[in-house]
Amino acid sequence: KYKPTYLITVPSFLLKMIEYAEQHNIDIN
């Protein structure tokens, strides 16, 4: 919705973000 350019996060959580994107057909790249 907002199109951020950077994230501030615990890196292991990015793996959950990737998993969710794959399950919901979100083109992360």
PDB file of all heavy atoms in Angstrom:
ATOM      1  N   LYS A   1       0.812  -1.219   0.000  1.00  0.00           N
ATOM      2  CA  LYS A   1       0.000   0.000   0.000  1.00  0.00           C
ATOM      3  C   LYS A   1       0.846   1.271   0.000  1.00  0.00           C
ATOM      4  O   LYS A   1       0.589   2.201  -0.767  1.00  0.00           O
ATOM      5  CB  LYS A   1      -0.919  -0.004   1.221  1.00  0.00           C
ATOM      6  CG  LYS A   1      -1.867   1.198   1.275  1.00  0.00           C
ATOM      7  CD  LYS A   1      -2.856   1.060   2.431  1.00  0.00           C
ATOM      8  CE  LYS A   1      -3.848   2.219   2.440  1.00  0.00           C
ATOM      9  NZ  LYS A   1      -4.848   2.067   3.534  1.00  0.00           N
ATOM     10  N   TYR A   2       1.893   1.320   0.877  1.00  0.00           N
ATOM     11  CA  TYR A   2       2.645   2.567   1.061  1.00  0.00           C
ATOM     12  C   TYR A   2       3.975   2.588   0.308  1.00  0.00           C
ATOM     13  O   TYR A   2       4.582   3.640   0.156  1.00  0.00           O
ATOM     14  CB  TYR A   2       2.899   2.802   2.551  1.00  0.00           C
ATOM     15  CG  TYR A   2       1.626   2.919   3.350  1.00  0.00           C
ATOM     16  CD1 TYR A   2       1.273   1.927   4.265  1.00  0.00           C
ATOM     17  CD2 TYR A   2       0.766   4.003   3.189  1.00  0.00           C
ATOM     18  CE1 TYR A   2       0.100   2.016   5.002  1.00  0.00           C
ATOM     19  CE2 TYR A   2      -0.414   4.099   3.928  1.00  0.00           C
ATOM     20  CZ  TYR A   2      -0.739   3.103   4.826  1.00  0.00           C
ATOM     21  OH  TYR A   2      -1.906   3.192   5.548  1.00  0.00           O
ATOM     22  N   LYS A   3       4.461   1.411  -0.103  1.00  0.00           N
ATOM     23  CA  LYS A   3       5.679   1.292  -0.899  1.00  0.00           C
ATOM     24  C   LYS A   3       6.940   1.847  -0.211  1.00  0.00           C
ATOM     25  O   LYS A   3       7.607   2.750  -0.711  1.00  0.00           O
ATOM     26  CB  LYS A   3       5.492   1.946  -2.277  1.00  0.00           C
ATOM     27  CG  LYS A   3       4.355   1.314  -3.073  1.00  0.00           C
ATOM     28  CD  LYS A   3       4.255   1.850  -4.454  1.00  0.00           C
ATOM     29  CE  LYS A   3       3.184   1.188  -5.300  1.00  0.00           C
ATOM     30  NZ  LYS A   3       2.366   0.143  -4.699  1.00  0.00           N
ATOM     31  N   PRO A   4       7.278   1.308   0.967  1.00  0.00           N
ATOM     32  CA  PRO A   4       8.523   1.719   1.634  1.00  0.00           C
ATOM     33  C   PRO A   4       9.744   1.261   0.854  1.00  0.00           C
ATOM     34  O   PRO A   4       9.702   0.251   0.144  1.00  0.00           O
ATOM     35  CB  PRO A   4       8.451   1.014   2.988  1.00  0.00           C
ATOM     36  CG  PRO A   4       7.622  -0.207   2.717  1.00  0.00           C
ATOM     37  CD  PRO A   4       6.589   0.234   1.710  1.00  0.00           C
ATOM     38  N   THR A   5      10.832   2.011   0.993  1.00  0.00           N
ATOM     39  CA  THR A   5      12.081   1.639   0.330  1.00  0.00           C
ATOM     40  C   THR A   5      13.001   0.838   1.253  1.00  0.00           C
ATOM     41  O   THR A   5      13.852   0.080   0.768  1.00  0.00           O
ATOM     42  CB  THR A   5      12.814   2.898  -0.160  1.00  0.00           C
ATOM     43  OG1 THR A   5      12.798   3.893   0.881  1.00  0.00           O
ATOM     44  CG2 THR A   5      12.139   3.476  -1.395  1.00  0.00           C
ATOM     45  N   TYR A   6      12.856   1.013   2.565  1.00  0.00           N
ATOM     46  CA  TYR A   6      13.682   0.287   3.532  1.00  0.00           C
ATOM     47  C   TYR A   6      12.816  -0.270   4.652  1.00  0.00           C
ATOM     48  O   TYR A   6      11.759   0.292   4.978  1.00  0.00           O
ATOM     49  CB  TYR A   6      14.766   1.185   4.142  1.00  0.00           C
ATOM     50  CG  TYR A   6      15.899   1.530   3.210  1.00  0.00           C
ATOM     51  CD1 TYR A   6      15.811   2.624   2.345  1.00  0.00           C
ATOM     52  CD2 TYR A   6      17.059   0.756   3.176  1.00  0.00           C
ATOM     53  CE1 TYR A   6      16.847   2.937   1.474  1.00  0.00           C
ATOM     54  CE2 TYR A   6      18.102   1.059   2.312  1.00  0.00           C
ATOM     55  CZ  TYR A   6      17.988   2.148   1.472  1.00  0.00           C
ATOM     56  OH  TYR A   6      19.017   2.457   0.614  1.00  0.00           O
ATOM     57  N   LEU A   7      13.301  -1.353   5.250  1.00  0.00           N
ATOM     58  CA  LEU A   7      12.672  -1.951   6.422  1.00  0.00           C
ATOM     59  C   LEU A   7      13.664  -1.919   7.581  1.00  0.00           C
ATOM     60  O   LEU A   7      14.873  -1.996   7.366  1.00  0.00           O
ATOM     61  CB  LEU A   7      12.289  -3.411   6.153  1.00  0.00           C
ATOM     62  CG  LEU A   7      11.498  -3.719   4.872  1.00  0.00           C
ATOM     63  CD1 LEU A   7      11.340  -5.235   4.719  1.00  0.00           C
ATOM     64  CD2 LEU A   7      10.155  -3.018   4.872  1.00  0.00           C
ATOM     65  N   ILE A   8      13.154  -1.811   8.810  1.00  0.00           N
ATOM     66  CA  ILE A   8      13.978  -1.998  10.008  1.00  0.00           C
ATOM     67  C   ILE A   8      13.390  -3.189  10.737  1.00  0.00           C
ATOM     68  O   ILE A   8      12.238  -3.154  11.184  1.00  0.00           O
ATOM     69  CB  ILE A   8      13.982  -0.756  10.910  1.00  0.00           C
ATOM     70  CG1 ILE A   8      14.540   0.457  10.161  1.00  0.00           C
ATOM     71  CG2 ILE A   8      14.807  -1.017  12.172  1.00  0.00           C
ATOM     72  CD1 ILE A   8      14.483   1.751  10.955  1.00  0.00           C
ATOM     73  N   THR A   9      14.168  -4.278  10.861  1.00  0.00           N
ATOM     74  CA  THR A   9      13.593  -5.530  11.325  1.00  0.00           C
ATOM     75  C   THR A   9      14.635  -6.486  11.882  1.00  0.00           C
ATOM     76  O   THR A   9      15.831  -6.350  11.614  1.00  0.00           O
ATOM     77  CB  THR A   9      12.869  -6.216  10.146  1.00  0.00           C
ATOM     78  OG1 THR A   9      12.247  -7.425  10.593  1.00  0.00           O
ATOM     79  CG2 THR A   9      13.837  -6.546   9.010  1.00  0.00           C
ATOM     80  N   VAL A  10      14.177  -7.450  12.653  1.00  0.00           N
ATOM     81  CA  VAL A  10      14.999  -8.609  13.013  1.00  0.00           C
ATOM     82  C   VAL A  10      15.136  -9.461  11.748  1.00  0.00           C
ATOM     83  O   VAL A  10      14.122  -9.817  11.139  1.00  0.00           O
ATOM     84  CB  VAL A  10      14.335  -9.415  14.145  1.00  0.00           C
ATOM     85  CG1 VAL A  10      15.118 -10.682  14.435  1.00  0.00           C
ATOM     86  CG2 VAL A  10      14.207  -8.558  15.399  1.00  0.00           C
ATOM     87  N   PRO A  11      16.341  -9.787  11.305  1.00  0.00           N
ATOM     88  CA  PRO A  11      16.491 -10.437   9.994  1.00  0.00           C
ATOM     89  C   PRO A  11      15.787 -11.774   9.849  1.00  0.00           C
ATOM     90  O   PRO A  11      15.258 -12.091   8.773  1.00  0.00           O
ATOM     91  CB  PRO A  11      18.009 -10.570   9.834  1.00  0.00           C
ATOM     92  CG  PRO A  11      18.576 -10.392  11.194  1.00  0.00           C
ATOM     93  CD  PRO A  11      17.642  -9.482  11.905  1.00  0.00           C
ATOM     94  N   SER A  12      15.739 -12.590  10.910  1.00  0.00           N
ATOM     95  CA  SER A  12      15.073 -13.889  10.787  1.00  0.00           C
ATOM     96  C   SER A  12      13.596 -13.736  10.443  1.00  0.00           C
ATOM     97  O   SER A  12      12.996 -14.634   9.830  1.00  0.00           O
ATOM     98  CB  SER A  12      15.244 -14.712  12.069  1.00  0.00           C
ATOM     99  OG  SER A  12      14.700 -14.023  13.186  1.00  0.00           O
ATOM    100  N   PHE A  13      13.002 -12.592  10.796  1.00  0.00           N
ATOM    101  CA  PHE A  13      11.593 -12.371  10.463  1.00  0.00           C
ATOM    102  C   PHE A  13      11.406 -12.202   8.956  1.00  0.00           C
ATOM    103  O   PHE A  13      10.321 -12.471   8.426  1.00  0.00           O
ATOM    104  CB  PHE A  13      11.045 -11.145  11.203  1.00  0.00           C
ATOM    105  CG  PHE A  13       9.569 -10.924  10.987  1.00  0.00           C
ATOM    106  CD1 PHE A  13       8.643 -11.781  11.556  1.00  0.00           C
ATOM    107  CD2 PHE A  13       9.112  -9.885  10.198  1.00  0.00           C
ATOM    108  CE1 PHE A  13       7.283 -11.598  11.341  1.00  0.00           C
ATOM    109  CE2 PHE A  13       7.754  -9.692   9.984  1.00  0.00           C
ATOM    110  CZ  PHE A  13       6.840 -10.555  10.560  1.00  0.00           C
ATOM    111  N   LEU A  14      12.456 -11.777   8.264  1.00  0.00           N
ATOM    112  CA  LEU A  14      12.359 -11.646   6.812  1.00  0.00           C
ATOM    113  C   LEU A  14      12.098 -13.003   6.157  1.00  0.00           C
ATOM    114  O   LEU A  14      11.481 -13.068   5.089  1.00  0.00           O
ATOM    115  CB  LEU A  14      13.626 -11.009   6.244  1.00  0.00           C
ATOM    116  CG  LEU A  14      13.862  -9.540   6.625  1.00  0.00           C
ATOM    117  CD1 LEU A  14      15.209  -9.065   6.089  1.00  0.00           C
ATOM    118  CD2 LEU A  14      12.740  -8.652   6.103  1.00  0.00           C
ATOM    119  N   LEU A  15      12.564 -14.088   6.785  1.00  0.00           N
ATOM    120  CA  LEU A  15      12.271 -15.415   6.253  1.00  0.00           C
ATOM    121  C   LEU A  15      10.778 -15.709   6.323  1.00  0.00           C
ATOM    122  O   LEU A  15      10.208 -16.332   5.415  1.00  0.00           O
ATOM    123  CB  LEU A  15      13.064 -16.476   7.018  1.00  0.00           C
ATOM    124  CG  LEU A  15      14.588 -16.425   6.865  1.00  0.00           C
ATOM    125  CD1 LEU A  15      15.243 -17.477   7.757  1.00  0.00           C
ATOM    126  CD2 LEU A  15      14.989 -16.635   5.414  1.00  0.00           C
ATOM    127  N   LYS A  16      10.119 -15.260   7.392  1.00  0.00           N
ATOM    128  CA  LYS A  16       8.671 -15.431   7.504  1.00  0.00           C
ATOM    129  C   LYS A  16       7.952 -14.565   6.472  1.00  0.00           C
ATOM    130  O   LYS A  16       6.910 -14.958   5.926  1.00  0.00           O
ATOM    131  CB  LYS A  16       8.199 -15.082   8.917  1.00  0.00           C
ATOM    132  CG  LYS A  16       8.725 -16.014  10.003  1.00  0.00           C
ATOM    133  CD  LYS A  16       8.121 -15.699  11.344  1.00  0.00           C
ATOM    134  CE  LYS A  16       8.634 -16.661  12.407  1.00  0.00           C
ATOM    135  NZ  LYS A  16       8.240 -18.056  12.132  1.00  0.00           N
ATOM    136  N   MET A  17       8.525 -13.381   6.218  1.00  0.00           N
ATOM    137  CA  MET A  17       7.956 -12.507   5.186  1.00  0.00           C
ATOM    138  C   MET A  17       8.042 -13.176   3.811  1.00  0.00           C
ATOM    139  O   MET A  17       7.098 -13.121   3.008  1.00  0.00           O
ATOM    140  CB  MET A  17       8.713 -11.178   5.169  1.00  0.00           C
ATOM    141  CG  MET A  17       8.564 -10.340   6.415  1.00  0.00           C
ATOM    142  SD  MET A  17       7.012  -9.444   6.441  1.00  0.00           S
ATOM    143  CE  MET A  17       7.296  -8.259   5.126  1.00  0.00           C
ATOM    144  N   ILE A  18       9.171 -13.810   3.539  1.00  0.00           N
ATOM    145  CA  ILE A  18       9.355 -14.506   2.263  1.00  0.00           C
ATOM    146  C   ILE A  18       8.396 -15.687   2.161  1.00  0.00           C
ATOM    147  O   ILE A  18       7.748 -15.892   1.116  1.00  0.00           O
ATOM    148  CB  ILE A  18      10.820 -14.983   2.126  1.00  0.00           C
ATOM    149  CG1 ILE A  18      11.759 -13.779   1.995  1.00  0.00           C
ATOM    150  CG2 ILE A  18      10.978 -15.916   0.939  1.00  0.00           C
ATOM    151  CD1 ILE A  18      13.230 -14.132   2.105  1.00  0.00           C
ATOM    152  N   GLU A  19       8.264 -16.453   3.238  1.00  0.00           N
ATOM    153  CA  GLU A  19       7.360 -17.605   3.240  1.00  0.00           C
ATOM    154  C   GLU A  19       5.917 -17.173   2.981  1.00  0.00           C
ATOM    155  O   GLU A  19       5.197 -17.790   2.189  1.00  0.00           O
ATOM    156  CB  GLU A  19       7.471 -18.331   4.584  1.00  0.00           C
ATOM    157  CG  GLU A  19       6.591 -19.559   4.699  1.00  0.00           C
ATOM    158  CD  GLU A  19       6.689 -20.208   6.076  1.00  0.00           C
ATOM    159  OE1 GLU A  19       7.327 -19.623   6.978  1.00  0.00           O
ATOM    160  OE2 GLU A  19       6.126 -21.306   6.241  1.00  0.00           O
ATOM    161  N   TYR A  20       5.493 -16.095   3.650  1.00  0.00           N
ATOM    162  CA  TYR A  20       4.136 -15.593   3.458  1.00  0.00           C
ATOM    163  C   TYR A  20       3.930 -15.140   2.014  1.00  0.00           C
ATOM    164  O   TYR A  20       2.891 -15.424   1.401  1.00  0.00           O
ATOM    165  CB  TYR A  20       3.855 -14.428   4.417  1.00  0.00           C
ATOM    166  CG  TYR A  20       2.437 -13.890   4.298  1.00  0.00           C
ATOM    167  CD1 TYR A  20       1.424 -14.408   5.084  1.00  0.00           C
ATOM    168  CD2 TYR A  20       2.127 -12.877   3.392  1.00  0.00           C
ATOM    169  CE1 TYR A  20       0.115 -13.938   4.981  1.00  0.00           C
ATOM    170  CE2 TYR A  20       0.828 -12.395   3.276  1.00  0.00           C
ATOM    171  CZ  TYR A  20      -0.166 -12.928   4.071  1.00  0.00           C
ATOM    172  OH  TYR A  20      -1.456 -12.465   3.947  1.00  0.00           O
ATOM    173  N   ALA A  21       4.917 -14.437   1.467  1.00  0.00           N
ATOM    174  CA  ALA A  21       4.808 -13.947   0.085  1.00  0.00           C
ATOM    175  C   ALA A  21       4.682 -15.109  -0.898  1.00  0.00           C
ATOM    176  O   ALA A  21       3.880 -15.044  -1.845  1.00  0.00           O
ATOM    177  CB  ALA A  21       6.024 -13.093  -0.253  1.00  0.00           C
ATOM    178  N   GLU A  22       5.459 -16.168  -0.661  1.00  0.00           N
ATOM    179  CA  GLU A  22       5.391 -17.327  -1.557  1.00  0.00           C
ATOM    180  C   GLU A  22       4.029 -18.010  -1.482  1.00  0.00           C
ATOM    181  O   GLU A  22       3.487 -18.463  -2.507  1.00  0.00           O
ATOM    182  CB  GLU A  22       6.507 -18.315  -1.203  1.00  0.00           C
ATOM    183  CG  GLU A  22       7.900 -17.791  -1.557  1.00  0.00           C
ATOM    184  CD  GLU A  22       9.010 -18.715  -1.086  1.00  0.00           C
ATOM    185  OE1 GLU A  22       8.761 -19.561  -0.191  1.00  0.00           O
ATOM    186  OE2 GLU A  22      10.125 -18.597  -1.610  1.00  0.00           O
ATOM    187  N   GLN A  23       3.463 -18.064  -0.289  1.00  0.00           N
ATOM    188  CA  GLN A  23       2.159 -18.714  -0.112  1.00  0.00           C
ATOM    189  C   GLN A  23       1.017 -17.891  -0.692  1.00  0.00           C
ATOM    190  O   GLN A  23      -0.053 -18.438  -1.003  1.00  0.00           O
ATOM    191  CB  GLN A  23       1.909 -18.969   1.383  1.00  0.00           C
ATOM    192  CG  GLN A  23       2.833 -20.006   1.998  1.00  0.00           C
ATOM    193  CD  GLN A  23       2.697 -20.077   3.501  1.00  0.00           C
ATOM    194  OE1 GLN A  23       2.030 -19.239   4.127  1.00  0.00           O
ATOM    195  NE2 GLN A  23       3.339 -21.085   4.109  1.00  0.00           N
ATOM    196  N   HIS A  24       1.220 -16.576  -0.839  1.00  0.00           N
ATOM    197  CA  HIS A  24       0.146 -15.695  -1.296  1.00  0.00           C
ATOM    198  C   HIS A  24       0.476 -15.022  -2.624  1.00  0.00           C
ATOM    199  O   HIS A  24      -0.106 -13.982  -2.972  1.00  0.00           O
ATOM    200  CB  HIS A  24      -0.156 -14.650  -0.217  1.00  0.00           C
ATOM    201  CG  HIS A  24      -0.728 -15.236   1.044  1.00  0.00           C
ATOM    202  ND1 HIS A  24       0.074 -15.810   2.025  1.00  0.00           N
ATOM    203  CD2 HIS A  24      -2.010 -15.369   1.472  1.00  0.00           C
ATOM    204  CE1 HIS A  24      -0.699 -16.254   3.009  1.00  0.00           C
ATOM    205  NE2 HIS A  24      -1.965 -16.000   2.697  1.00  0.00           N
ATOM    206  N   ASN A  25       1.410 -15.610  -3.350  1.00  0.00           N
ATOM    207  CA  ASN A  25       1.732 -15.158  -4.717  1.00  0.00           C
ATOM    208  C   ASN A  25       2.104 -13.668  -4.780  1.00  0.00           C
ATOM    209  O   ASN A  25       1.698 -12.945  -5.687  1.00  0.00           O
ATOM    210  CB  ASN A  25       0.553 -15.435  -5.659  1.00  0.00           C
ATOM    211  CG  ASN A  25       0.254 -16.917  -5.765  1.00  0.00           C
ATOM    212  OD1 ASN A  25       1.168 -17.726  -5.918  1.00  0.00           O
ATOM    213  ND2 ASN A  25      -1.024 -17.266  -5.650  1.00  0.00           N
ATOM    214  N   ILE A  26       2.890 -13.225  -3.806  1.00  0.00           N
ATOM    215  CA  ILE A  26       3.402 -11.856  -3.823  1.00  0.00           C
ATOM    216  C   ILE A  26       4.786 -11.871  -4.455  1.00  0.00           C
ATOM    217  O   ILE A  26       5.660 -12.637  -4.025  1.00  0.00           O
ATOM    218  CB  ILE A  26       3.477 -11.276  -2.391  1.00  0.00           C
ATOM    219  CG1 ILE A  26       2.071 -11.173  -1.780  1.00  0.00           C
ATOM    220  CG2 ILE A  26       4.149  -9.895  -2.403  1.00  0.00           C
ATOM    221  CD1 ILE A  26       2.083 -10.801  -0.303  1.00  0.00           C
ATOM    222  N   ASP A  27       4.989 -11.082  -5.475  1.00  0.00           N
ATOM    223  CA  ASP A  27       6.284 -11.010  -6.160  1.00  0.00           C
ATOM    224  C   ASP A  27       7.212 -10.107  -5.347  1.00  0.00           C
ATOM    225  O   ASP A  27       7.215  -8.887  -5.512  1.00  0.00           O
ATOM    226  CB  ASP A  27       6.100 -10.477  -7.579  1.00  0.00           C
ATOM    227  CG  ASP A  27       7.400 -10.498  -8.388  1.00  0.00           C
ATOM    228  OD1 ASP A  27       8.451 -10.843  -7.811  1.00  0.00           O
ATOM    229  OD2 ASP A  27       7.361 -10.148  -9.578  1.00  0.00           O
ATOM    230  N   ILE A  28       8.000 -10.718  -4.461  1.00  0.00           N
ATOM    231  CA  ILE A  28       8.810  -9.916  -3.535  1.00  0.00           C
ATOM    232  C   ILE A  28       9.854  -9.078  -4.265  1.00  0.00           C
ATOM    233  O   ILE A  28      10.189  -7.979  -3.826  1.00  0.00           O
ATOM    234  CB  ILE A  28       9.477 -10.789  -2.453  1.00  0.00           C
ATOM    235  CG1 ILE A  28      10.378 -11.851  -3.075  1.00  0.00           C
ATOM    236  CG2 ILE A  28       8.450 -11.408  -1.553  1.00  0.00           C
ATOM    237  CD1 ILE A  28      11.131 -12.686  -2.054  1.00  0.00           C
ATOM    238  N   ASN A  29      10.363  -9.574  -5.392  1.00  0.00           N
ATOM    239  CA  ASN A  29      11.396  -8.833  -6.105  1.00  0.00           C
ATOM    240  C   ASN A  29      10.838  -7.761  -7.028  1.00  0.00           C
ATOM    241  O   ASN A  29      11.576  -7.093  -7.743  1.00  0.00           O
ATOM    242  CB  ASN A  29      12.300  -9.804  -6.865  1.00  0.00           C
ATOM    243  CG  ASN A  29      13.186 -10.590  -5.913  1.00  0.00           C
ATOM    244  OD1 ASN A  29      13.826 -10.016  -5.037  1.00  0.00           O
ATOM    245  ND2 ASN A  29      13.196 -11.907  -6.048  1.00  0.00           N
TER     246      ASN A  29
END
